[in-house]
Amino acid sequence: MQKPWYIINPDRNLAATIWQFVTSAALLWIALVTPLQVGLVTLEINWVFMTSLGVDFVFLIDMVLQFFTAYVRRTPRGDELEVRSSKIVLHYLSTWFVLDFVTLIPFELVALLGGSNVEELTMIKVIRVLRLLKLTRLARGSKLAQRLEAPISLPYQHLALLRCVFILVLLCHWLASIWATTILLVPRGTPTWIDDIAAVDEGFGIDTRAHPLRIYIASFYFCSYTMTSVGYGDIGPQNVSERVVCTLIVLGAGLSWACVLGEVCAIVAEMNSAKQAFRQKMHHLNQMMSEKGLPTELRKRLRTFFLQNRHQCNFITHQQLQKDMSAQLQAEVCTVVNLPWLRKVPFFNNFLLHIEAVDAAGLDASNLHACIADVAQELEMKAYAQRESFSDVQVLHILARGLVLLNTRVASNGAVWGEDFVLADVPLIQRFSGFALTYVEVLCLKRGSFMDVIERRRANCPELGQIVRRYCVRIAVFRGILAEARRLKLLQIREEEQRTAPQISMQELPSLPGTAELEVDNLR
């Protein structure tokens, strides 16, 4: 509300975002073309020269816009957007203005229009290196990359690897341009590194010095094998100036190659970290089975289990990621991920319907969603090998992978059983015996953990406890009545069997001298 209409908010203005893409393209032109203009391209008015002027015009417009672009300033209360015009102008004048202004001075245009001689034009070409200072604008463009990360799923490891390759090629490009410039820094007739190549090309009627592309290819070839420490040795410095420049190139290239190589090794190691951990686990397993002398069939079952169980670590990673989220995001993610099986549990389904009603009424349901997140965090992953039996009481089971035989039916992915795990009276719980037809992964929710969630959320979310309580009462009464009916039926059957059984009279009893009346009654 305090921002004037002419002040640009770079985080919310679509035109400002598009303009950042334009300036990024201009910076790419500077990074690729300016080194060639310094070392190889003749200073003359052509399409490259006119395009460079257009790029300068883009940066001129950008420099003007910086006087009207808000910036973020740090305060004791946190980061705030500065929208006061006077503060914006002072901030830009004290930071980036001098650098932007110096790199915009068209020295080459002034030299061409003023009719400078060859020596002056050569110095102007060297001054063009100042344009590379524009690349410091990349420090401002970091937010642009952050905006691209939100809507697009970027493969960070592959992207980092491509970035290292791009940096390596760009460094070789810059060093090749610098190495090509050494031909211009010495008087004609002085031996240079290009002489041997020119002598070979001269035999084919080719004037190497008149072809900038051939010079660039030879220079890039020299810098690439120098940077990668291959060092063929067929090209080398021929004068003092070239030796000085070559020494600087070797030192800079060696340091750059070490940094890039270390970064690439770290990226590749991170990409294969899960595979390496799994291989190490399998190595320890084989070593343990060999030391213990396990039978061949058992070894095969163990290897099969661990080979199929390698994906279980993903569940642990996902659980940790959810813990690192904010409470609201954690609740939303857990609701979406666990919605299929939540709908299959009666009291969870009722709770979800209650959440939907609260959301439809426009009320705050964040505490209700947080309960779902707490329940999801209590889930445990269990894995069972093929032909393995399992049976747990007061545990809710969600089949995540495989096929299971439950009593007399086959369950597949997404199946839920043990919904009555909330009952405190164990005899009222319907028992299931599971038999793994394949390798299975089961998510388990124990009654104790679930009741702890209800107790923790009793103050700010009593609805879940009430819904579960009503479910327990209804199921307990229903199953209690059935259990009592079965007991009475069984008692009735026993009484009928006793009535129809033959009676034993006192005369049929054998004489038992010394027996008491109580013993006779017990015998009868």
Protein backbone atom coordinates (compact mmCIF):
# COMPACT_ATOMS: atom_id res chain seq x y z
CA MET A 1 0.00 0.00 0.00
CA GLN A 2 2.94 2.32 0.60
CA LYS A 3 4.57 1.56 -2.76
CA PRO A 4 4.26 4.36 -5.37
CA TRP A 5 2.84 3.30 -8.73
CA TYR A 6 6.14 3.87 -10.56
CA ILE A 7 8.23 1.68 -8.23
CA ILE A 8 8.82 -1.84 -9.58
CA ASN A 9 8.49 -4.86 -7.32
CA PRO A 10 10.80 -7.42 -9.01
CA ASP A 11 9.18 -10.35 -7.16
CA ARG A 12 5.60 -9.69 -8.28
CA ASN A 13 5.91 -7.85 -11.59
CA LEU A 14 5.60 -10.13 -14.63
CA ALA A 15 7.28 -7.58 -16.92
CA ALA A 16 10.24 -7.40 -14.52
CA THR A 17 10.62 -11.18 -14.69
CA ILE A 18 10.58 -11.11 -18.50
CA TRP A 19 13.12 -8.29 -18.45
CA GLN A 20 15.42 -10.41 -16.31
CA PHE A 21 15.36 -13.08 -19.01
CA VAL A 22 16.31 -10.41 -21.57
CA THR A 23 19.25 -9.18 -19.49
CA SER A 24 20.34 -12.79 -18.92
CA ALA A 25 20.48 -13.32 -22.69
CA ALA A 26 22.52 -10.12 -22.99
CA LEU A 27 24.93 -11.38 -20.32
CA LEU A 28 25.33 -14.62 -22.28
CA TRP A 29 26.29 -12.58 -25.35
CA ILE A 30 28.85 -10.67 -23.28
CA ALA A 31 30.34 -13.89 -21.90
CA LEU A 32 30.73 -15.53 -25.32
CA VAL A 33 31.36 -12.71 -27.82
CA THR A 34 33.35 -10.12 -25.88
CA PRO A 35 36.45 -12.39 -25.46
CA LEU A 36 36.41 -13.03 -29.22
CA GLN A 37 36.16 -9.31 -29.92
CA VAL A 38 39.21 -8.72 -27.77
CA GLY A 39 41.41 -11.45 -29.18
CA LEU A 40 40.30 -12.24 -32.71
CA VAL A 41 37.63 -10.07 -34.31
CA THR A 42 38.80 -6.96 -36.12
CA LEU A 43 37.36 -3.70 -34.81
CA GLU A 44 35.01 -2.63 -37.56
CA ILE A 45 31.36 -1.85 -38.07
CA ASN A 46 29.59 -5.14 -38.84
CA TRP A 47 26.69 -7.20 -37.48
CA VAL A 48 28.69 -8.27 -34.41
CA PHE A 49 29.53 -4.66 -33.62
CA MET A 50 25.90 -3.54 -34.06
CA THR A 51 24.62 -6.40 -31.91
CA SER A 52 27.04 -5.41 -29.18
CA LEU A 53 25.67 -1.87 -29.32
CA GLY A 54 22.17 -3.32 -28.98
CA VAL A 55 23.29 -5.25 -25.91
CA ASP A 56 24.73 -2.04 -24.46
CA PHE A 57 21.39 -0.35 -25.09
CA VAL A 58 19.65 -3.12 -23.15
CA PHE A 59 21.96 -2.53 -20.20
CA LEU A 60 21.40 1.23 -20.49
CA ILE A 61 17.66 0.72 -20.13
CA ASP A 62 18.32 -1.65 -17.25
CA MET A 63 20.49 0.95 -15.53
CA VAL A 64 17.63 3.47 -15.73
CA LEU A 65 15.15 0.91 -14.39
CA GLN A 66 17.37 0.24 -11.39
CA PHE A 67 16.50 3.72 -10.10
CA PHE A 68 12.86 2.59 -9.87
CA THR A 69 13.28 -1.00 -8.69
CA ALA A 70 12.58 -1.84 -5.06
CA TYR A 71 15.16 -3.82 -3.13
CA VAL A 72 15.15 -5.93 0.03
CA ARG A 73 16.79 -4.44 3.09
CA ARG A 74 17.56 -6.23 6.33
CA THR A 75 16.05 -4.87 9.54
CA PRO A 76 15.85 -6.14 13.13
CA ARG A 77 12.29 -7.22 12.27
CA GLY A 78 13.48 -9.23 9.25
CA ASP A 79 13.70 -8.56 5.51
CA GLU A 80 11.56 -5.68 4.24
CA LEU A 81 10.97 -4.32 0.73
CA GLU A 82 12.28 -0.77 0.37
CA VAL A 83 9.84 1.24 -1.79
CA ARG A 84 10.92 4.82 -1.01
CA SER A 85 12.33 6.42 -4.14
CA SER A 86 15.10 8.37 -2.41
CA LYS A 87 16.38 5.28 -0.59
CA ILE A 88 16.34 3.26 -3.83
CA VAL A 89 18.41 5.91 -5.68
CA LEU A 90 20.97 6.18 -2.88
CA HIS A 91 21.26 2.41 -2.61
CA TYR A 92 21.90 1.98 -6.34
CA LEU A 93 24.41 4.85 -6.50
CA SER A 94 26.38 3.33 -3.64
CA THR A 95 26.44 -0.25 -5.01
CA TRP A 96 26.17 -1.09 -8.73
CA PHE A 97 25.93 2.27 -10.49
CA VAL A 98 29.68 2.92 -10.98
CA LEU A 99 30.29 -0.53 -12.43
CA ASP A 100 27.26 -0.34 -14.73
CA PHE A 101 28.25 3.12 -15.96
CA VAL A 102 31.89 2.25 -16.70
CA THR A 103 30.97 -0.88 -18.65
CA LEU A 104 28.51 1.11 -20.77
CA ILE A 105 31.06 3.60 -22.15
CA PRO A 106 31.35 2.81 -25.93
CA PHE A 107 35.13 3.20 -26.28
CA GLU A 108 35.23 1.33 -29.60
CA LEU A 109 32.47 3.48 -31.12
CA VAL A 110 34.30 6.66 -30.12
CA ALA A 111 37.54 5.29 -31.58
CA LEU A 112 35.96 4.34 -34.91
CA LEU A 113 34.17 7.64 -35.31
CA GLY A 114 37.32 9.53 -34.33
CA GLY A 115 39.48 7.73 -36.94
CA SER A 116 42.04 6.27 -34.50
CA ASN A 117 45.12 4.49 -35.79
CA VAL A 118 45.90 0.78 -35.47
CA GLU A 119 47.74 1.06 -32.15
CA GLU A 120 44.88 2.96 -30.56
CA LEU A 121 42.36 0.45 -31.91
CA THR A 122 44.42 -2.35 -30.36
CA MET A 123 44.28 -0.66 -26.97
CA ILE A 124 40.53 -0.15 -27.38
CA LYS A 125 40.17 -3.89 -27.97
CA VAL A 126 41.97 -4.58 -24.72
CA ILE A 127 39.70 -2.10 -22.92
CA ARG A 128 36.76 -4.21 -24.11
CA VAL A 129 37.66 -6.67 -21.36
CA LEU A 130 35.86 -4.28 -19.00
CA ARG A 131 32.62 -5.54 -20.49
CA LEU A 132 33.18 -8.85 -18.75
CA LEU A 133 32.60 -7.00 -15.50
CA LYS A 134 28.94 -7.01 -16.47
CA LEU A 135 28.92 -10.68 -15.51
CA THR A 136 28.87 -9.56 -11.89
CA ARG A 137 25.18 -8.94 -12.55
CA LEU A 138 24.77 -12.68 -12.13
CA ALA A 139 24.88 -11.99 -8.40
CA ARG A 140 21.59 -10.13 -8.85
CA GLY A 141 20.06 -12.83 -11.02
CA SER A 142 20.17 -15.54 -8.37
CA LYS A 143 16.51 -14.90 -7.54
CA LEU A 144 15.58 -15.67 -11.13
CA ALA A 145 16.94 -19.19 -10.72
CA GLN A 146 15.01 -19.56 -7.47
CA ARG A 147 11.77 -18.64 -9.24
CA LEU A 148 12.40 -21.29 -11.88
CA GLU A 149 12.90 -23.95 -9.21
CA ALA A 150 9.38 -23.56 -7.80
CA PRO A 151 7.26 -24.37 -10.90
CA ILE A 152 9.77 -26.75 -12.54
CA SER A 153 11.13 -29.98 -11.12
CA LEU A 154 14.86 -29.59 -11.75
CA PRO A 155 17.19 -32.61 -11.52
CA TYR A 156 19.73 -30.89 -9.28
CA GLN A 157 22.55 -33.39 -9.63
CA HIS A 158 22.34 -33.56 -13.41
CA LEU A 159 21.95 -29.79 -13.54
CA ALA A 160 25.03 -29.33 -11.37
CA LEU A 161 26.99 -31.67 -13.64
CA LEU A 162 25.95 -29.70 -16.72
CA ARG A 163 26.90 -26.49 -14.95
CA CYS A 164 30.41 -27.82 -14.29
CA VAL A 165 30.77 -28.78 -17.96
CA PHE A 166 29.55 -25.33 -19.03
CA ILE A 167 31.99 -23.59 -16.68
CA LEU A 168 34.86 -25.73 -17.96
CA VAL A 169 34.06 -24.92 -21.61
CA LEU A 170 33.56 -21.23 -20.79
CA LEU A 171 36.92 -21.04 -19.01
CA CYS A 172 38.62 -22.68 -21.99
CA HIS A 173 36.87 -20.17 -24.25
CA TRP A 174 38.14 -17.22 -22.22
CA LEU A 175 41.67 -18.58 -21.93
CA ALA A 176 41.72 -19.31 -25.67
CA SER A 177 40.77 -15.70 -26.38
CA ILE A 178 43.52 -14.47 -24.05
CA TRP A 179 46.07 -16.79 -25.66
CA ALA A 180 45.04 -15.57 -29.13
CA THR A 181 45.49 -11.96 -27.99
CA THR A 182 49.22 -12.53 -27.44
CA ILE A 183 49.71 -12.49 -31.25
CA LEU A 184 48.59 -8.84 -31.27
CA LEU A 185 50.76 -7.76 -28.32
CA VAL A 186 54.12 -8.17 -30.09
CA PRO A 187 55.52 -6.33 -33.15
CA ARG A 188 55.40 -8.02 -36.53
CA GLY A 189 58.38 -10.27 -37.16
CA THR A 190 58.52 -11.48 -33.54
CA PRO A 191 58.27 -15.28 -33.22
CA THR A 192 54.86 -16.34 -31.93
CA TRP A 193 53.17 -19.62 -31.05
CA ILE A 194 51.14 -19.57 -34.28
CA ASP A 195 54.21 -19.60 -36.56
CA ASP A 196 54.58 -23.40 -36.69
CA ILE A 197 50.89 -23.85 -37.46
CA ALA A 198 51.02 -21.11 -40.07
CA ALA A 199 54.03 -22.75 -41.73
CA VAL A 200 52.13 -26.04 -42.07
CA ASP A 201 49.02 -24.29 -43.43
CA GLU A 202 51.11 -22.27 -45.84
CA GLY A 203 52.06 -25.47 -47.63
CA PHE A 204 48.37 -25.85 -48.50
CA GLY A 205 48.01 -22.24 -49.59
CA ILE A 206 46.23 -21.11 -46.42
CA ASP A 207 47.05 -17.84 -44.64
CA THR A 208 46.39 -18.77 -41.02
CA ARG A 209 46.68 -15.21 -39.65
CA ALA A 210 43.92 -14.09 -42.01
CA HIS A 211 41.47 -16.67 -40.65
CA PRO A 212 40.42 -15.85 -37.05
CA LEU A 213 38.52 -19.15 -36.81
CA ARG A 214 41.68 -21.21 -37.42
CA ILE A 215 43.54 -19.18 -34.82
CA TYR A 216 40.70 -19.69 -32.31
CA ILE A 217 40.58 -23.46 -32.88
CA ALA A 218 44.35 -23.78 -32.36
CA SER A 219 44.19 -21.57 -29.26
CA PHE A 220 41.21 -23.50 -27.80
CA TYR A 221 43.06 -26.76 -28.46
CA PHE A 222 46.13 -25.50 -26.57
CA CYS A 223 44.12 -24.21 -23.60
CA SER A 224 41.95 -27.35 -23.35
CA TYR A 225 44.87 -29.77 -23.05
CA THR A 226 46.70 -27.33 -20.77
CA MET A 227 43.71 -27.05 -18.42
CA THR A 228 43.15 -30.81 -18.31
CA SER A 229 46.89 -31.33 -17.62
CA VAL A 230 47.36 -33.49 -20.73
CA GLY A 231 50.12 -31.32 -22.21
CA TYR A 232 50.93 -32.62 -25.70
CA GLY A 233 53.62 -29.95 -26.11
CA ASP A 234 53.13 -29.30 -29.84
CA ILE A 235 52.22 -25.63 -29.11
CA GLY A 236 54.26 -23.47 -26.76
CA PRO A 237 55.29 -19.86 -26.08
CA GLN A 238 57.91 -18.32 -28.37
CA ASN A 239 58.60 -14.95 -26.73
CA VAL A 240 58.67 -13.31 -23.31
CA SER A 241 55.11 -11.98 -23.50
CA GLU A 242 53.76 -15.38 -24.39
CA ARG A 243 55.72 -17.04 -21.60
CA VAL A 244 54.25 -14.62 -19.06
CA VAL A 245 50.73 -15.16 -20.35
CA CYS A 246 51.26 -18.92 -20.58
CA THR A 247 52.46 -19.04 -16.97
CA LEU A 248 49.33 -17.23 -15.81
CA ILE A 249 47.16 -19.54 -17.94
CA VAL A 250 48.80 -22.66 -16.47
CA LEU A 251 48.33 -21.43 -12.89
CA GLY A 252 44.73 -20.33 -13.44
CA ALA A 253 43.83 -23.39 -15.49
CA GLY A 254 45.33 -25.77 -12.92
CA LEU A 255 43.38 -24.20 -10.07
CA SER A 256 40.17 -24.12 -12.11
CA TRP A 257 40.60 -27.74 -13.20
CA ALA A 258 41.11 -28.85 -9.60
CA CYS A 259 37.94 -27.05 -8.48
CA VAL A 260 35.85 -28.40 -11.37
CA LEU A 261 37.20 -31.92 -10.92
CA GLY A 262 36.47 -31.89 -7.20
CA GLU A 263 32.95 -30.61 -7.85
CA VAL A 264 32.30 -33.28 -10.49
CA CYS A 265 33.60 -36.05 -8.22
CA ALA A 266 31.36 -34.85 -5.39
CA ILE A 267 28.32 -34.76 -7.71
CA VAL A 268 28.97 -38.23 -9.13
CA ALA A 269 29.54 -39.64 -5.64
CA GLU A 270 26.28 -38.10 -4.44
CA MET A 271 24.39 -39.47 -7.45
CA ASN A 272 25.55 -43.00 -6.63
CA SER A 273 25.49 -42.74 -2.82
CA ALA A 274 22.38 -44.92 -2.49
CA LYS A 275 23.80 -47.59 -4.80
CA GLN A 276 27.11 -47.60 -2.95
CA ALA A 277 25.37 -47.98 0.41
CA PHE A 278 23.32 -50.88 -0.96
CA ARG A 279 26.40 -52.60 -2.38
CA GLN A 280 28.14 -52.25 0.98
CA LYS A 281 25.11 -53.75 2.74
CA MET A 282 25.07 -56.72 0.33
CA HIS A 283 28.80 -57.21 0.85
CA HIS A 284 28.34 -57.37 4.63
CA LEU A 285 25.42 -59.77 4.15
CA ASN A 286 27.47 -62.15 2.00
CA GLN A 287 30.33 -61.94 4.48
CA MET A 288 28.02 -62.71 7.41
CA MET A 289 26.39 -65.69 5.64
CA SER A 290 29.80 -67.09 4.76
CA GLU A 291 31.11 -66.77 8.33
CA LYS A 292 27.97 -68.34 9.83
CA GLY A 293 27.88 -71.16 7.28
CA LEU A 294 24.22 -70.70 6.38
CA PRO A 295 22.55 -73.19 4.01
CA THR A 296 22.37 -72.36 0.32
CA GLU A 297 18.57 -72.10 0.24
CA LEU A 298 18.54 -69.71 3.20
CA ARG A 299 21.26 -67.59 1.60
CA LYS A 300 19.16 -67.31 -1.55
CA ARG A 301 16.11 -66.18 0.44
CA LEU A 302 18.16 -63.59 2.33
CA ARG A 303 19.63 -62.13 -0.87
CA THR A 304 16.19 -62.02 -2.47
CA PHE A 305 14.76 -60.22 0.56
CA PHE A 306 17.45 -57.53 0.62
CA LEU A 307 17.32 -57.06 -3.14
CA GLN A 308 13.59 -56.39 -2.95
CA ASN A 309 13.89 -54.42 0.28
CA ARG A 310 16.21 -51.77 -1.18
CA HIS A 311 13.26 -49.44 -1.77
CA GLN A 312 12.29 -49.36 1.90
CA CYS A 313 14.86 -46.64 2.54
CA ASN A 314 12.73 -44.33 0.36
CA PHE A 315 9.99 -44.48 2.99
CA ILE A 316 12.43 -43.39 5.69
CA THR A 317 13.66 -40.54 3.47
CA HIS A 318 10.08 -39.41 2.82
CA GLN A 319 9.29 -39.46 6.53
CA GLN A 320 12.33 -37.28 7.25
CA LEU A 321 11.38 -34.84 4.49
CA GLN A 322 7.92 -34.48 5.97
CA LYS A 323 9.40 -33.71 9.39
CA ASP A 324 11.45 -30.89 7.83
CA MET A 325 8.32 -29.25 6.36
CA SER A 326 6.26 -26.59 8.04
CA ALA A 327 3.20 -27.77 9.96
CA GLN A 328 0.72 -26.64 7.29
CA LEU A 329 2.66 -28.15 4.37
CA GLN A 330 3.25 -31.34 6.32
CA ALA A 331 -0.49 -31.67 6.97
CA GLU A 332 -1.39 -31.09 3.31
CA VAL A 333 1.21 -33.55 2.01
CA CYS A 334 0.24 -36.27 4.50
CA THR A 335 -3.44 -35.87 3.67
CA VAL A 336 -2.86 -36.24 -0.07
CA VAL A 337 -0.42 -39.14 0.25
CA ASN A 338 -2.46 -41.16 2.75
CA LEU A 339 -5.94 -40.29 1.50
CA PRO A 340 -6.59 -43.63 -0.31
CA TRP A 341 -6.19 -45.80 2.78
CA LEU A 342 -7.68 -43.21 5.16
CA ARG A 343 -10.95 -43.51 3.23
CA LYS A 344 -11.02 -47.26 3.91
CA VAL A 345 -10.91 -46.89 7.71
CA PRO A 346 -14.41 -45.95 9.01
CA PHE A 347 -13.46 -43.48 11.74
CA PHE A 348 -10.72 -41.87 9.62
CA ASN A 349 -13.24 -41.47 6.80
CA ASN A 350 -15.69 -39.79 9.19
CA PHE A 351 -12.91 -37.50 10.36
CA LEU A 352 -12.09 -36.54 6.77
CA LEU A 353 -15.75 -35.79 6.12
CA HIS A 354 -15.71 -33.54 9.18
CA ILE A 355 -12.62 -31.73 7.82
CA GLU A 356 -14.33 -31.21 4.46
CA ALA A 357 -17.39 -29.78 6.22
CA VAL A 358 -15.24 -27.36 8.22
CA ASP A 359 -13.39 -26.28 5.06
CA ALA A 360 -16.68 -25.81 3.21
CA ALA A 361 -17.91 -23.58 6.03
CA GLY A 362 -14.83 -21.37 5.63
CA LEU A 363 -13.49 -22.14 9.10
CA ASP A 364 -9.92 -22.85 10.11
CA ALA A 365 -9.15 -26.56 9.80
CA SER A 366 -5.39 -26.42 10.26
CA ASN A 367 -5.52 -28.28 13.60
CA LEU A 368 -7.61 -31.03 11.99
CA HIS A 369 -5.13 -31.43 9.14
CA ALA A 370 -2.29 -31.48 11.68
CA CYS A 371 -3.85 -34.55 13.29
CA ILE A 372 -3.60 -36.41 9.98
CA ALA A 373 0.07 -35.41 9.77
CA ASP A 374 0.73 -36.68 13.29
CA VAL A 375 -0.91 -40.00 12.48
CA ALA A 376 1.14 -40.34 9.29
CA GLN A 377 4.36 -39.74 11.19
CA GLU A 378 3.54 -42.68 13.49
CA LEU A 379 3.42 -45.14 10.58
CA GLU A 380 6.12 -47.81 10.54
CA MET A 381 7.28 -49.79 7.54
CA LYS A 382 7.64 -53.55 7.93
CA ALA A 383 8.86 -55.97 5.27
CA TYR A 384 8.17 -59.71 5.05
CA ALA A 385 9.80 -62.28 2.81
CA GLN A 386 7.84 -64.65 0.62
CA ARG A 387 6.12 -67.52 2.47
CA GLU A 388 6.46 -65.69 5.78
CA SER A 389 3.54 -65.56 8.23
CA PHE A 390 2.67 -62.66 10.51
CA SER A 391 -0.15 -61.75 12.86
CA ASP A 392 -0.36 -58.64 15.05
CA VAL A 393 -3.16 -57.56 17.38
CA GLN A 394 -4.15 -53.91 17.95
CA VAL A 395 -2.23 -52.85 14.83
CA LEU A 396 -3.65 -51.27 11.68
CA HIS A 397 -2.05 -52.67 8.52
CA ILE A 398 -1.83 -50.99 5.10
CA LEU A 399 -0.38 -53.11 2.32
CA ALA A 400 2.07 -50.97 0.36
CA ARG A 401 3.55 -53.63 -1.89
CA GLY A 402 3.03 -57.31 -2.74
CA LEU A 403 0.29 -59.92 -2.26
CA VAL A 404 -0.89 -61.26 1.11
CA LEU A 405 -3.24 -64.09 1.98
CA LEU A 406 -5.52 -62.88 4.81
CA ASN A 407 -7.35 -65.85 6.30
CA THR A 408 -9.34 -66.87 3.18
CA ARG A 409 -8.87 -63.90 0.83
CA VAL A 410 -5.99 -62.42 -1.16
CA ALA A 411 -5.12 -58.76 -0.59
CA SER A 412 -3.13 -56.57 -2.99
CA ASN A 413 -1.63 -53.06 -2.91
CA GLY A 414 -3.71 -50.58 -0.93
CA ALA A 415 -5.54 -53.20 1.13
CA VAL A 416 -6.30 -52.30 4.76
CA TRP A 417 -7.06 -54.67 7.62
CA GLY A 418 -7.17 -54.45 11.39
CA GLU A 419 -9.41 -51.33 11.43
CA ASP A 420 -10.65 -52.34 14.90
CA PHE A 421 -7.18 -51.91 16.39
CA VAL A 422 -8.53 -49.07 18.57
CA LEU A 423 -10.55 -51.48 20.73
CA ALA A 424 -9.07 -51.94 24.21
CA ASP A 425 -10.74 -55.34 24.75
CA VAL A 426 -8.54 -57.76 22.80
CA PRO A 427 -11.13 -60.61 22.65
CA LEU A 428 -13.44 -58.31 20.68
CA ILE A 429 -10.81 -57.70 17.96
CA GLN A 430 -11.16 -59.67 14.75
CA ARG A 431 -7.95 -61.58 14.20
CA PHE A 432 -6.18 -61.82 10.85
CA SER A 433 -3.37 -64.16 9.97
CA GLY A 434 -1.24 -62.94 7.08
CA PHE A 435 0.78 -65.12 4.76
CA ALA A 436 3.13 -63.39 2.28
CA LEU A 437 2.55 -64.76 -1.21
CA THR A 438 5.31 -62.45 -2.49
CA TYR A 439 7.72 -60.03 -0.90
CA VAL A 440 5.49 -57.53 0.90
CA GLU A 441 5.87 -54.14 2.53
CA VAL A 442 3.28 -53.18 5.12
CA LEU A 443 2.66 -49.85 6.84
CA CYS A 444 1.72 -50.39 10.48
CA LEU A 445 -0.01 -48.08 12.95
CA LYS A 446 0.05 -49.32 16.55
CA ARG A 447 -2.79 -48.59 18.94
CA GLY A 448 -0.51 -47.07 21.57
CA SER A 449 1.03 -44.62 19.10
CA PHE A 450 -2.38 -43.64 17.73
CA MET A 451 -3.81 -43.08 21.22
CA ASP A 452 -0.79 -40.89 22.04
CA VAL A 453 -1.68 -38.71 19.05
CA ILE A 454 -5.27 -38.40 20.26
CA GLU A 455 -4.07 -37.48 23.73
CA ARG A 456 -1.65 -34.84 22.42
CA ARG A 457 -4.35 -33.30 20.22
CA ARG A 458 -7.15 -33.53 22.78
CA ALA A 459 -7.00 -29.80 23.58
CA ASN A 460 -6.97 -28.32 20.05
CA CYS A 461 -8.58 -31.22 18.14
CA PRO A 462 -11.04 -33.16 20.33
CA GLU A 463 -13.11 -34.21 17.30
CA LEU A 464 -10.80 -37.12 16.39
CA GLY A 465 -10.99 -38.58 19.89
CA GLN A 466 -14.78 -38.23 19.91
CA ILE A 467 -15.16 -39.94 16.54
CA VAL A 468 -12.87 -42.79 17.59
CA ARG A 469 -14.74 -43.14 20.90
CA ARG A 470 -18.09 -43.42 19.14
CA TYR A 471 -16.64 -46.01 16.77
CA CYS A 472 -15.23 -48.04 19.68
CA VAL A 473 -18.55 -47.98 21.54
CA ARG A 474 -20.53 -49.02 18.47
CA ILE A 475 -18.15 -51.83 17.49
CA ALA A 476 -17.71 -53.03 21.09
CA VAL A 477 -21.50 -53.16 21.67
CA PHE A 478 -22.12 -54.90 18.36
CA ARG A 479 -19.40 -57.48 18.79
CA GLY A 480 -20.15 -57.85 22.49
CA ILE A 481 -23.74 -58.76 21.68
CA LEU A 482 -22.57 -61.24 19.06
CA ALA A 483 -20.06 -62.75 21.48
CA GLU A 484 -22.71 -63.06 24.18
CA ALA A 485 -25.12 -64.59 21.71
CA ARG A 486 -22.53 -67.13 20.67
CA ARG A 487 -21.78 -67.90 24.32
CA LEU A 488 -25.45 -68.41 25.14
CA LYS A 489 -25.90 -70.55 22.04
CA LEU A 490 -22.94 -72.69 22.99
CA LEU A 491 -24.25 -73.00 26.58
CA GLN A 492 -27.65 -74.05 25.25
CA ILE A 493 -26.08 -76.71 23.06
CA ARG A 494 -24.15 -78.09 26.01
CA GLU A 495 -27.26 -78.24 28.18
CA GLU A 496 -29.13 -80.10 25.48
CA GLU A 497 -26.25 -82.55 25.19
CA GLN A 498 -26.36 -83.12 28.93
CA ARG A 499 -30.11 -83.73 28.92
CA THR A 500 -29.90 -86.25 26.12
CA ALA A 501 -26.88 -88.05 27.64
CA PRO A 502 -27.64 -91.39 29.56
CA GLN A 503 -28.14 -90.90 33.31
CA ILE A 504 -26.04 -92.84 35.84
CA SER A 505 -28.06 -94.27 38.77
CA MET A 506 -26.81 -95.02 42.25
CA GLN A 507 -27.32 -98.71 41.73
CA GLU A 508 -24.97 -98.63 38.73
CA LEU A 509 -22.20 -97.05 40.76
CA PRO A 510 -19.58 -99.47 42.05
CA SER A 511 -19.23 -99.94 45.75
CA LEU A 512 -16.55 -97.67 47.00
CA PRO A 513 -15.84 -98.43 50.61
CA GLY A 514 -14.88 -95.47 52.66
CA THR A 515 -15.98 -92.85 50.09
CA ALA A 516 -17.75 -89.76 51.32
CA GLU A 517 -21.00 -88.38 50.01
CA LEU A 518 -19.14 -85.50 48.37
CA GLU A 519 -17.07 -87.90 46.31
CA VAL A 520 -20.26 -89.67 45.20
CA ASP A 521 -21.72 -86.33 44.12
CA ASN A 522 -18.54 -85.46 42.21
CA LEU A 523 -18.58 -88.85 40.52
CA ARG A 524 -22.26 -88.46 39.61
